[in-house]
């Protein structure tokens, strides 16, 4: 199903040209690929859930293929991402996200955090929230509003044809009687932090990379339920394996890269592990390229209590339903509060002195912490 349509009276946007992959030999993570075309076949959901169950035993990253979008659809979104991020800071300033209030929608400028003393972060973000009444009056740059219908169709396809299916698979992995259990916690029309993200990492000089130990973004987990990354040919993403080793995540041809995030970890008491990943300097043959990304962030409905799912036989068998993560006030965390608090914390620097790459804990909400890794 293609989302691309021809519209009149809209200035054309130059086509996106996919950059070549690195020719360097890297230590790639061995990740499973789920073929979503099997989902509606007899026994297909169950077979995919079995594959997913094996995949998440080792690492919370996997690929998804045959998800109903063409390379033309995706390249079009990359073209839009390039157009948005290529606007001047002055043009983007009116759409700056209210990060200090925990709102990530809109523009996050590059350079608002220190990577090391004197070296600022090198990535900018433009987040487009769900197309629901709550966000109807939000202002966007002209290049976004002129292509709003196309972006909306793309975003809704992701939610309806990819995310919902993955959420069903997770319910089957947990052996829940209601296969739509997670779907009902991620209704499109409900208030939550889901958004389509355009992201750009600006390349750094060799001197900056050396000072940073080639580390652009510390190892961290994502704050929602799932993160979907459309193929990004500039190698820079790494995942922390169970053995404590960092491995590169390969930009798989015709596949999405998906990782599990905090929300599902809370709901399963760690059975579904929020994947630790980081961004490093690309290989030498890609070091001069700005790394553009198109990402979809999936988040639980804001009022969801982050408590283990007692109805899951899998969690009960493993003793993962009795222990609950509560705030200092003794009450459960709520998904929306967790996301908001993490956005606010993300504004602050997570750096130490030059050469200091120790693991660090940061309190996020009501005594509950998250860990950054180098």
Protein backbone atom coordinates (compact mmCIF):
# COMPACT_ATOMS: atom_id res chain seq x y z
CA UNK A 1 0.00 0.00 0.00
CA UNK A 2 1.62 3.24 -1.10
CA UNK A 3 0.96 6.47 0.76
CA UNK A 4 2.47 8.78 -1.84
CA UNK A 5 0.08 10.95 -3.82
CA UNK A 6 0.47 13.79 -6.29
CA UNK A 7 -0.74 17.12 -4.95
CA UNK A 8 -1.20 20.35 -6.86
CA UNK A 9 0.01 23.85 -5.95
CA UNK A 10 2.66 22.42 -3.62
CA UNK A 11 6.32 23.29 -4.31
CA UNK A 12 8.30 20.23 -5.32
CA UNK A 13 10.83 18.78 -2.92
CA UNK A 14 14.08 17.37 -4.36
CA UNK A 15 14.21 13.59 -4.35
CA UNK A 16 16.12 11.89 -1.60
CA UNK A 17 19.15 9.98 -2.82
CA UNK A 18 20.15 7.06 -0.61
CA UNK A 19 23.83 7.24 0.30
CA UNK A 20 26.01 4.14 -0.16
CA UNK A 21 26.49 1.79 2.77
CA UNK A 22 29.89 1.54 4.41
CA UNK A 23 32.40 -0.83 2.83
CA UNK A 24 34.11 -1.42 6.16
CA UNK A 25 33.78 -4.76 7.90
CA UNK A 26 31.92 -4.16 11.17
CA UNK A 27 30.84 -6.43 14.00
CA UNK A 28 27.12 -6.54 13.20
CA UNK A 29 24.52 -7.75 15.72
CA UNK A 30 22.73 -10.93 14.71
CA UNK A 31 19.08 -9.84 14.70
CA UNK A 32 15.96 -11.76 13.73
CA UNK A 33 13.65 -10.56 10.92
CA UNK A 34 9.86 -10.81 11.25
CA UNK A 35 8.00 -11.05 7.93
CA UNK A 36 4.71 -9.22 8.55
CA UNK A 37 3.22 -10.59 5.32
CA UNK A 38 2.66 -13.82 7.30
CA UNK A 39 0.51 -12.08 9.92
CA UNK A 40 -2.88 -12.76 8.32
CA UNK A 41 -2.07 -16.27 7.10
CA UNK A 42 -3.55 -19.23 9.00
CA UNK A 43 -1.31 -19.68 12.03
CA UNK A 44 0.82 -16.76 10.89
CA UNK A 45 0.47 -14.64 14.03
CA UNK A 46 1.38 -17.57 16.22
CA UNK A 47 4.43 -18.43 14.10
CA UNK A 48 5.64 -14.83 14.19
CA UNK A 49 5.10 -14.64 17.95
CA UNK A 50 7.24 -17.76 18.36
CA UNK A 51 10.00 -16.12 16.30
CA UNK A 52 9.70 -12.94 18.35
CA UNK A 53 9.85 -14.87 21.64
CA UNK A 54 13.18 -16.38 20.61
CA UNK A 55 14.51 -13.05 19.36
CA UNK A 56 13.83 -11.13 22.58
CA UNK A 57 15.51 -13.74 24.75
CA UNK A 58 18.86 -12.38 23.64
CA UNK A 59 18.33 -8.76 22.63
CA UNK A 60 15.45 -6.30 22.35
CA UNK A 61 16.19 -5.36 18.74
CA UNK A 62 14.75 -7.01 15.64
CA UNK A 63 13.91 -6.28 12.01
CA UNK A 64 10.48 -6.18 10.35
CA UNK A 65 9.99 -6.78 6.63
CA UNK A 66 6.99 -6.60 4.28
CA UNK A 67 5.21 -3.91 6.28
CA UNK A 68 3.24 -2.34 3.44
CA UNK A 69 5.29 0.73 2.55
CA UNK A 70 7.38 1.07 -0.59
CA UNK A 71 10.92 2.43 -0.85
CA UNK A 72 9.35 5.39 -2.69
CA UNK A 73 7.10 6.11 0.30
CA UNK A 74 10.05 6.02 2.68
CA UNK A 75 12.39 8.03 0.46
CA UNK A 76 9.68 10.68 0.24
CA UNK A 77 9.67 10.98 4.03
CA UNK A 78 13.46 11.25 4.01
CA UNK A 79 13.14 14.03 1.44
CA UNK A 80 10.72 15.83 3.77
CA UNK A 81 13.04 15.23 6.72
CA UNK A 82 15.93 16.76 4.80
CA UNK A 83 13.80 19.76 3.81
CA UNK A 84 12.65 20.39 7.39
CA UNK A 85 16.09 20.04 8.95
CA UNK A 86 17.65 22.18 6.21
CA UNK A 87 15.59 25.20 7.24
CA UNK A 88 17.58 27.85 9.08
CA UNK A 89 17.44 27.95 12.86
CA UNK A 90 15.55 31.23 12.58
CA UNK A 91 12.90 29.56 10.42
CA UNK A 92 12.57 26.66 12.86
CA UNK A 93 12.66 28.69 16.07
CA UNK A 94 8.87 29.41 16.17
CA UNK A 95 8.30 25.64 16.31
CA UNK A 96 10.75 24.89 19.12
CA UNK A 97 9.46 22.12 21.38
CA UNK A 98 8.58 23.04 24.96
CA UNK A 99 11.26 20.67 26.22
CA UNK A 100 11.50 22.32 29.61
CA UNK A 101 7.82 21.43 30.17
CA UNK A 102 8.31 17.85 29.00
CA UNK A 103 6.79 18.32 25.53
CA UNK A 104 8.89 16.80 22.75
CA UNK A 105 6.63 17.82 19.84
CA UNK A 106 8.17 20.28 17.43
CA UNK A 107 11.83 21.21 16.98
CA UNK A 108 14.69 20.21 19.25
CA UNK A 109 17.76 22.25 18.19
CA UNK A 110 21.22 20.76 17.97
CA UNK A 111 23.68 21.77 20.65
CA UNK A 112 21.44 22.15 23.72
CA UNK A 113 23.30 19.48 25.72
CA UNK A 114 26.97 19.01 26.48
CA UNK A 115 28.56 15.79 25.27
CA UNK A 116 31.76 16.81 27.03
CA UNK A 117 32.72 20.19 28.48
CA UNK A 118 32.94 22.54 25.52
CA UNK A 119 31.45 20.08 23.01
CA UNK A 120 27.71 20.26 22.41
CA UNK A 121 25.46 17.51 21.05
CA UNK A 122 25.27 17.28 17.25
CA UNK A 123 21.68 16.22 16.55
CA UNK A 124 18.42 18.00 15.87
CA UNK A 125 14.90 16.58 15.86
CA UNK A 126 11.55 17.58 14.45
CA UNK A 127 8.64 15.61 15.96
CA UNK A 128 5.17 15.52 14.40
CA UNK A 129 2.55 14.25 16.88
CA UNK A 130 -0.47 12.08 16.16
CA UNK A 131 -3.16 13.53 13.91
CA UNK A 132 -5.83 13.89 16.59
CA UNK A 133 -7.87 16.92 17.77
CA UNK A 134 -5.49 17.55 20.67
CA UNK A 135 -2.79 18.62 18.18
CA UNK A 136 -4.99 20.14 15.48
CA UNK A 137 -3.94 23.73 16.16
CA UNK A 138 -0.21 23.06 16.48
CA UNK A 139 1.83 25.19 14.07
CA UNK A 140 4.41 23.63 11.75
CA UNK A 141 6.83 24.91 9.09
CA UNK A 142 5.26 25.41 5.68
CA UNK A 143 7.01 22.39 4.19
CA UNK A 144 5.20 20.24 6.77
CA UNK A 145 1.76 21.83 6.47
CA UNK A 146 1.90 21.70 2.66
CA UNK A 147 2.43 17.94 2.87
CA UNK A 148 0.27 17.29 5.91
CA UNK A 149 -2.08 14.82 4.23
CA UNK A 150 0.78 12.71 2.98
CA UNK A 151 2.52 12.72 6.37
CA UNK A 152 -0.76 11.81 8.08
CA UNK A 153 -1.33 8.82 5.80
CA UNK A 154 2.23 7.65 6.36
CA UNK A 155 1.94 7.97 10.16
CA UNK A 156 -1.44 6.25 10.33
CA UNK A 157 -0.23 3.41 8.16
CA UNK A 158 2.60 2.82 10.63
CA UNK A 159 0.17 2.73 13.55
CA UNK A 160 -2.57 0.66 11.92
CA UNK A 161 -0.60 -1.74 9.74
CA UNK A 162 2.68 -2.17 11.63
CA UNK A 163 2.40 -1.15 15.28
CA UNK A 164 -0.93 -2.88 15.95
CA UNK A 165 0.37 -6.14 14.51
CA UNK A 166 3.53 -5.99 16.60
CA UNK A 167 1.48 -5.30 19.73
CA UNK A 168 -0.64 -8.38 19.02
CA UNK A 169 2.53 -10.45 18.71
CA UNK A 170 3.75 -9.26 22.10
CA UNK A 171 0.40 -10.25 23.66
CA UNK A 172 0.79 -13.71 22.14
CA UNK A 173 4.36 -13.97 23.45
CA UNK A 174 2.98 -13.28 26.96
CA UNK A 175 0.17 -15.83 26.34
CA UNK A 176 -2.52 -13.28 27.12
CA UNK A 177 -6.06 -14.45 26.38
CA UNK A 178 -6.83 -11.05 24.87
CA UNK A 179 -4.51 -10.65 21.90
CA UNK A 180 -5.53 -6.98 21.66
CA UNK A 181 -4.39 -6.26 25.23
CA UNK A 182 -1.55 -3.97 24.16
CA UNK A 183 -3.53 -2.55 21.23
CA UNK A 184 -6.07 -1.22 23.73
CA UNK A 185 -3.27 0.55 25.61
CA UNK A 186 -2.12 2.26 22.40
CA UNK A 187 -5.31 3.65 20.84
CA UNK A 188 -4.50 6.18 18.14
CA UNK A 189 -7.22 8.57 19.26
CA UNK A 190 -6.07 8.58 22.91
CA UNK A 191 -3.62 11.00 24.48
CA UNK A 192 -0.06 9.67 24.25
CA UNK A 193 3.34 10.75 23.05
CA UNK A 194 3.41 8.86 19.73
CA UNK A 195 5.07 10.83 16.97
CA UNK A 196 6.82 10.69 13.62
CA UNK A 197 10.38 11.96 13.98
CA UNK A 198 12.72 13.56 11.48
CA UNK A 199 16.26 13.52 12.91
CA UNK A 200 19.65 14.67 11.73
CA UNK A 201 23.09 14.02 13.23
CA UNK A 202 25.60 16.52 11.86
CA UNK A 203 29.01 15.03 11.07
CA UNK A 204 31.87 15.95 13.38
CA UNK A 205 35.52 16.70 12.79
CA UNK A 206 38.12 14.03 13.47
CA UNK A 207 39.35 16.14 16.39
CA UNK A 208 35.91 16.27 18.02
CA UNK A 209 35.40 12.56 17.54
CA UNK A 210 38.74 11.84 19.15
CA UNK A 211 37.86 13.94 22.20
CA UNK A 212 34.51 12.18 22.48
CA UNK A 213 35.98 8.73 22.06
CA UNK A 214 33.75 8.53 18.95
CA UNK A 215 30.66 8.54 21.20
CA UNK A 216 27.88 10.80 19.93
CA UNK A 217 25.01 9.73 22.17
CA UNK A 218 25.43 7.69 25.34
CA UNK A 219 23.89 4.28 25.72
CA UNK A 220 20.30 4.62 26.83
CA UNK A 221 16.84 3.10 26.61
CA UNK A 222 13.91 4.74 24.83
CA UNK A 223 11.05 6.12 26.90
CA UNK A 224 8.01 4.71 25.10
CA UNK A 225 6.91 1.20 24.06
CA UNK A 226 8.58 0.63 20.70
CA UNK A 227 10.85 2.59 18.37
CA UNK A 228 10.66 2.00 14.61
CA UNK A 229 13.63 3.17 12.55
CA UNK A 230 13.32 3.27 8.78
CA UNK A 231 16.42 2.11 6.95
CA UNK A 232 19.31 4.44 7.70
CA UNK A 233 22.35 3.59 5.55
CA UNK A 234 24.88 5.61 7.60
CA UNK A 235 26.19 3.13 10.17
CA UNK A 236 26.28 4.64 13.66
CA UNK A 237 23.73 2.75 15.78
CA UNK A 238 25.03 0.17 18.24
CA UNK A 239 23.21 -2.12 20.65
CA UNK A 240 24.47 -3.48 23.97
CA UNK A 241 24.40 -7.29 23.91
CA UNK A 242 23.76 -9.51 26.96
CA UNK A 243 27.50 -10.21 27.12
CA UNK A 244 28.16 -6.51 27.66
CA UNK A 245 29.58 -5.98 24.17
CA UNK A 246 28.49 -3.24 21.80
CA UNK A 247 27.59 -4.40 18.29
CA UNK A 248 26.63 -2.45 15.19
CA UNK A 249 23.03 -2.52 13.95
CA UNK A 250 23.09 -3.11 10.21
CA UNK A 251 20.77 -1.05 7.98
CA UNK A 252 18.96 -4.09 6.62
CA UNK A 253 17.69 -3.78 3.03
CA UNK A 254 13.88 -3.33 2.82
CA UNK A 255 13.43 -3.67 6.57
CA UNK A 256 12.51 -1.62 9.61
CA UNK A 257 14.67 -1.79 12.72
CA UNK A 258 12.53 -2.07 15.85
CA UNK A 259 13.56 -1.89 19.49
CA UNK A 260 11.67 -2.42 22.74
CA UNK A 261 11.44 0.55 25.11
CA UNK A 262 10.70 1.41 28.75
CA UNK A 263 6.91 1.07 28.67
CA UNK A 264 6.93 -2.61 27.78
CA UNK A 265 9.74 -3.26 30.24
CA UNK A 266 7.68 -1.76 33.08
CA UNK A 267 4.57 -3.75 32.09
CA UNK A 268 6.50 -7.03 32.04
CA UNK A 269 8.88 -6.38 34.95
CA UNK A 270 11.86 -6.71 32.66
CA UNK A 271 10.77 -9.79 30.68
CA UNK A 272 10.55 -7.51 27.64
CA UNK A 273 13.82 -5.64 27.98
CA UNK A 274 14.15 -1.99 27.04
CA UNK A 275 17.08 -2.15 24.63
CA UNK A 276 20.23 -0.22 25.49
CA UNK A 277 21.64 1.43 22.40
CA UNK A 278 23.96 4.31 21.52
CA UNK A 279 25.11 6.38 18.55
CA UNK A 280 28.79 6.52 17.62
CA UNK A 281 30.82 8.18 14.88
CA UNK A 282 30.26 6.45 11.52
CA UNK A 283 33.02 4.49 9.78
CA UNK A 284 35.66 6.53 7.96
CA UNK A 285 34.04 6.19 4.52
CA UNK A 286 30.82 7.77 5.92
CA UNK A 287 32.39 10.20 8.39
CA UNK A 288 31.66 13.22 6.18
CA UNK A 289 27.91 12.52 5.83
CA UNK A 290 25.16 14.07 7.95
CA UNK A 291 23.10 11.14 9.27
CA UNK A 292 19.41 11.65 8.47
CA UNK A 293 16.72 9.53 10.12
CA UNK A 294 12.98 8.86 9.87
CA UNK A 295 11.67 7.26 13.04
CA UNK A 296 8.30 6.44 14.58
CA UNK A 297 8.02 6.50 18.37
CA UNK A 298 5.27 4.37 19.93
CA UNK A 299 4.12 5.25 23.45
CA UNK A 300 1.54 3.97 25.90
CA UNK A 301 -1.54 6.05 26.57
CA UNK A 302 -0.66 8.72 29.10
CA UNK A 303 -2.85 7.39 31.93
CA UNK A 304 -1.53 3.82 31.75
CA UNK A 305 -0.18 2.63 35.11
CA UNK A 306 3.24 1.04 34.68
CA UNK A 307 2.54 -2.16 36.60
CA UNK A 308 3.29 -5.78 35.61
CA UNK A 309 0.52 -7.60 33.75
CA UNK A 310 -0.92 -10.08 36.24
CA UNK A 311 -2.95 -11.89 33.56
CA UNK A 312 0.17 -13.18 31.80
CA UNK A 313 0.96 -16.85 32.52
CA UNK A 314 4.49 -16.22 31.24
CA UNK A 315 5.11 -13.49 33.81
CA UNK A 316 3.45 -15.47 36.61
CA UNK A 317 5.59 -18.53 35.90
CA UNK A 318 8.70 -16.40 36.18
CA UNK A 319 7.60 -14.63 39.34
CA UNK A 320 7.43 -11.27 37.58
CA UNK A 321 4.03 -10.02 38.73
CA UNK A 322 4.44 -9.50 42.47
CA UNK A 323 7.27 -6.99 42.41
CA UNK A 324 6.03 -3.54 41.39
CA UNK A 325 8.04 -0.42 40.62
CA UNK A 326 6.43 2.36 42.63
CA UNK A 327 7.37 5.98 43.14
CA UNK A 328 8.52 7.40 46.44
CA UNK A 329 4.87 8.20 47.17
CA UNK A 330 4.00 4.50 46.95
CA UNK A 331 1.87 4.98 43.84
CA UNK A 332 2.44 3.47 40.39
CA UNK A 333 4.15 5.55 37.75
CA UNK A 334 1.98 6.59 34.82
CA UNK A 335 3.25 6.34 31.27
CA UNK A 336 2.65 10.00 30.39
CA UNK A 337 4.39 11.22 33.54
CA UNK A 338 7.38 8.96 32.85
CA UNK A 339 7.76 10.29 29.30
CA UNK A 340 7.38 13.90 30.40
CA UNK A 341 9.97 13.52 33.15
CA UNK A 342 12.43 11.82 30.83
CA UNK A 343 12.08 14.59 28.24
CA UNK A 344 12.87 17.17 30.92
CA UNK A 345 15.86 15.17 32.16
CA UNK A 346 17.14 14.77 28.61
CA UNK A 347 17.71 18.53 28.40
CA UNK A 348 20.37 18.32 31.08
CA UNK A 349 23.92 17.28 30.36
CA UNK A 350 24.83 13.65 30.92
CA UNK A 351 28.51 14.26 30.36
CA UNK A 352 31.40 13.95 32.73
CA UNK A 353 34.93 15.29 32.51
CA UNK A 354 36.93 14.55 29.39
CA UNK A 355 37.85 10.88 29.25
CA UNK A 356 35.26 9.94 31.89
CA UNK A 357 32.98 7.30 30.40
CA UNK A 358 31.54 5.71 33.53
CA UNK A 359 28.02 4.33 33.73
CA UNK A 360 25.77 6.92 35.37
CA UNK A 361 22.34 6.78 37.00
CA UNK A 362 19.89 9.66 36.63
CA UNK A 363 16.75 9.98 38.73
CA UNK A 364 13.79 10.47 36.41
CA UNK A 365 10.58 10.41 38.42
CA UNK A 366 9.70 9.89 42.08
CA UNK A 367 12.93 8.10 42.93
CA UNK A 368 12.92 5.84 39.87
CA UNK A 369 16.17 6.02 37.89
CA UNK A 370 17.48 5.24 34.44
CA UNK A 371 21.05 4.44 33.50
CA UNK A 372 23.26 5.94 30.81
CA UNK A 373 26.05 3.76 29.40
CA UNK A 374 29.20 4.51 27.49
